[in-house]
Protein backbone atom coordinates (compact mmCIF):
# COMPACT_ATOMS: atom_id res chain seq x y z
CA MET A 1 261.93 155.96 90.69
CA ASP A 2 259.60 157.15 87.95
CA GLU A 3 257.85 154.59 86.08
CA GLN A 4 256.78 155.31 82.91
CA PRO A 5 253.42 153.77 81.02
CA LEU A 6 254.20 150.15 79.69
CA GLU A 7 254.64 150.49 75.57
CA SER A 8 254.20 147.90 73.05
CA GLY A 9 257.86 146.83 72.07
CA SER A 10 259.89 149.79 71.82
CA GLU A 11 257.58 152.28 70.79
CA MET A 12 253.51 152.48 71.00
CA LYS A 13 252.50 152.53 67.28
CA GLY A 14 248.89 153.39 67.75
CA ALA A 15 245.82 152.34 69.93
CA LEU A 16 245.38 148.81 70.94
CA LYS A 17 242.50 147.70 69.47
CA LEU A 18 240.34 145.90 72.32
CA ALA A 19 236.99 143.98 73.26
CA TYR A 20 235.39 141.85 76.01
CA VAL A 21 233.52 138.56 75.63
CA GLU A 22 230.80 138.42 78.17
CA VAL A 23 231.30 135.51 80.30
CA ASP A 24 227.61 135.25 81.38
CA SER A 25 226.20 135.30 78.02
CA LEU A 26 228.47 132.99 77.39
CA MET A 27 227.63 130.44 79.48
CA THR A 28 223.68 131.08 79.04
CA GLN A 29 223.77 131.17 74.92
CA PHE A 30 226.66 128.63 73.67
CA GLU A 31 224.64 125.28 72.84
CA PHE A 32 227.87 123.58 74.69
CA ALA A 33 227.81 125.43 77.66
CA LYS A 34 224.32 124.98 78.27
CA GLU A 35 223.82 121.47 77.22
CA LYS A 36 226.87 120.65 79.61
CA SER A 37 225.68 122.80 82.57
CA ALA A 38 222.20 121.13 81.95
CA GLU A 39 224.33 117.69 82.13
CA LEU A 40 225.79 118.67 84.97
CA GLU A 41 222.85 120.19 87.31
CA LYS A 42 221.19 116.62 86.46
CA LYS A 43 224.04 114.75 87.80
CA SER A 44 224.14 116.90 90.69
CA ILE A 45 220.29 116.64 91.06
CA ASN A 46 220.75 112.29 90.90
CA ALA A 47 223.48 112.21 93.23
CA ARG A 48 221.45 114.74 96.00
CA ASN A 49 218.74 112.36 95.67
CA THR A 50 220.98 109.15 95.64
CA LEU A 51 222.43 110.21 98.64
CA THR A 52 219.34 111.61 100.68
CA GLN A 53 217.42 108.34 99.85
CA LYS A 54 220.16 106.24 101.40
CA GLY A 55 220.72 108.89 104.43
CA ASN A 56 217.05 108.68 105.34
CA GLN A 57 217.61 104.50 104.83
CA LEU A 58 220.10 104.99 107.35
CA GLN A 59 218.13 107.19 109.85
CA ALA A 60 215.45 104.69 109.67
CA ALA A 61 217.58 101.93 110.47
CA ALA A 62 219.31 103.93 113.36
CA ASN A 63 215.71 104.54 114.60
CA ASN A 64 214.64 101.16 114.97
CA PHE A 65 218.06 100.21 116.07
CA GLN A 66 217.27 102.25 119.14
CA GLN A 67 213.85 101.33 119.50
CA LYS A 68 214.58 98.05 119.74
CA LEU A 69 217.04 98.71 122.02
CA GLN A 70 215.14 100.77 124.45
CA ASN A 71 212.22 98.10 124.48
CA ASN A 72 214.70 95.31 124.68
CA GLY A 73 214.28 93.58 121.44
CA PHE A 74 217.44 92.20 120.94
CA THR A 75 217.99 88.62 122.06
CA SER A 76 221.63 89.17 123.43
CA ARG A 77 224.27 92.26 123.58
CA GLU A 78 226.46 90.47 120.57
CA GLN A 79 223.37 90.95 118.69
CA ALA A 80 222.63 94.51 119.73
CA GLU A 81 226.44 95.28 118.91
CA GLY A 82 226.18 93.73 115.66
CA VAL A 83 223.09 95.36 114.51
CA GLN A 84 225.13 98.72 115.78
CA ALA A 85 228.24 97.55 114.04
CA ALA A 86 226.28 97.26 110.52
CA LEU A 87 224.88 100.73 111.50
CA GLN A 88 228.27 102.04 111.20
CA ARG A 89 229.48 100.23 108.64
CA GLN A 90 226.14 101.63 106.89
CA GLN A 91 226.95 105.04 107.88
CA ASN A 92 230.75 104.57 106.39
CA ASP A 93 229.54 103.52 103.15
CA LEU A 94 227.39 106.62 102.92
CA ALA A 95 230.60 108.97 103.59
CA ALA A 96 232.32 107.03 101.35
CA LEU A 97 229.91 107.59 98.44
CA GLN A 98 229.03 111.34 98.97
CA ALA A 99 233.10 111.70 98.64
CA ARG A 100 233.33 109.50 95.45
CA LEU A 101 229.70 111.47 94.25
CA GLU A 102 231.41 114.84 95.09
CA ASN A 103 234.81 113.77 93.56
CA GLU A 104 233.08 112.89 90.43
CA LEU A 105 231.42 115.99 89.80
CA ALA A 106 234.05 118.19 90.51
CA ASN A 107 236.41 116.19 88.07
CA GLU A 108 233.46 116.16 85.36
CA THR A 109 233.09 120.50 86.26
CA GLN A 110 236.81 120.78 85.57
CA LYS A 111 236.45 118.91 82.22
CA PHE A 112 233.70 120.80 81.50
CA ASN A 113 235.58 124.21 82.22
CA VAL A 114 238.77 123.28 80.28
CA ALA A 115 236.98 122.19 77.34
CA LEU A 116 234.69 125.29 77.23
CA ARG A 117 238.27 127.15 77.89
CA ASP A 118 240.08 125.28 74.62
CA SER A 119 236.62 125.65 72.70
CA LEU A 120 236.76 129.48 73.33
CA ASN A 121 240.55 129.77 72.88
CA ASN A 122 240.62 127.91 69.53
CA PHE A 123 237.85 129.94 68.22
CA LEU A 124 239.31 133.65 69.53
CA ASN A 125 242.34 132.60 67.94
CA GLU A 126 241.20 131.64 64.42
CA TYR A 127 238.16 134.88 64.99
CA ASN A 128 241.25 136.96 65.89
CA LYS A 129 243.17 136.00 62.25
CA ASP A 130 240.95 138.63 60.45
CA LYS A 131 240.20 141.02 63.19
CA LYS A 132 243.52 141.52 64.87
CA TYR A 133 242.71 142.67 68.45
CA ASP A 134 245.51 143.29 70.30
CA LEU A 135 243.44 142.39 73.52
CA ILE A 136 240.28 140.79 73.93
CA LEU A 137 239.05 140.22 77.67
CA ALA A 138 236.21 138.47 79.81
CA LYS A 139 233.99 140.31 81.45
CA SER A 140 232.55 138.44 84.13
CA GLY A 141 230.69 140.83 86.95
CA ASP A 142 231.86 143.74 87.54
CA ASN A 143 235.50 142.93 86.62
CA ILE A 144 235.26 145.83 83.98
CA LEU A 145 233.58 148.58 85.66
CA LEU A 146 233.10 150.90 82.41
CA ALA A 147 233.40 149.97 78.96
CA ASN A 148 232.31 151.38 75.15
CA GLN A 149 229.87 148.94 73.94
CA SER A 150 231.18 148.80 70.53
CA LEU A 151 233.88 146.88 72.27
CA ASP A 152 231.54 144.20 72.87
CA ILE A 153 231.75 141.20 70.65
CA THR A 154 229.98 138.39 72.77
CA GLN A 155 227.08 138.18 70.13
CA ASP A 156 229.54 137.55 67.78
CA VAL A 157 231.55 134.90 69.53
CA ILE A 158 228.77 133.26 70.85
CA ASN A 159 227.33 133.18 67.01
CA GLY A 160 230.42 131.54 65.63
CA LEU A 161 231.14 129.29 68.52
CA ASN A 162 227.50 128.08 67.79
CA LYS A 163 227.99 127.23 64.50
CA ARG A 164 231.51 125.87 64.87
CA TYR A 165 229.60 123.65 67.80
CA LYS A 166 226.50 122.32 65.32
CA LYS A 167 229.11 121.61 62.60
CA GLY A 168 231.41 119.15 64.90
CA THR A 169 227.61 117.86 66.35
CA ALA A 170 226.75 117.26 62.94
CA SER A 171 229.95 115.35 61.50
CA ALA A 172 230.24 113.43 64.68
CA GLU A 173 226.61 112.43 64.43
CA LYS A 174 227.34 111.36 60.99
CA LYS A 175 230.36 109.65 62.45
CA THR A 176 228.11 106.92 64.36
CA ASP A 177 225.47 106.85 61.58
CA LYS A 178 228.47 105.43 59.37
CA LYS A 179 229.70 103.04 62.08
CA GLU A 180 226.40 102.11 63.00
CA ASP A 181 225.75 101.25 58.80
CA LYS A 182 228.90 99.47 58.90
CA LYS A 183 228.11 97.45 61.84
CA LYS A 184 224.73 96.38 60.12
CA GLU A 185 226.59 95.51 56.91
CA GLU A 186 229.36 93.48 59.08
CA LYS A 187 226.00 91.76 60.37
CA LYS A 188 224.26 90.68 56.97
């Protein structure tokens, strides 16, 4: 069976109008992406520091327990077993904390990715009303091996997204200011 190249509709009316956006540049130059990436990185570092601190405390307590055990520092076997059970609970709590923090970070990362994708898609839908591209590709790494630079609309998209983001941020700040002013008036 000989396959023919796919055509748009029943006949190809002309060349496709193509463009691409460099995802790496988008992530490093779109203000929303930069802010959220920095926020996620900060939360990741804080979680790692918390886990390291609690892990070190647990290790110190385990070392102390082991030293006391070797030096007959416990008055009874029950006392030693009680301390050992407490250490086991701490270890379980640490594992649960690690799982919870990892889950929270994964959920926040997922929310960020969805928000970023929605923002980009909404912008591109609006942007494409004038530009009339048939296909806009995402270039990430080497998934597009060769492309004419004239098809790169990355900077145009970044500029538009940042302009839109600044408007949204400014209007959100105005709403917050109005709410605060209203609260101050109500207190008087």
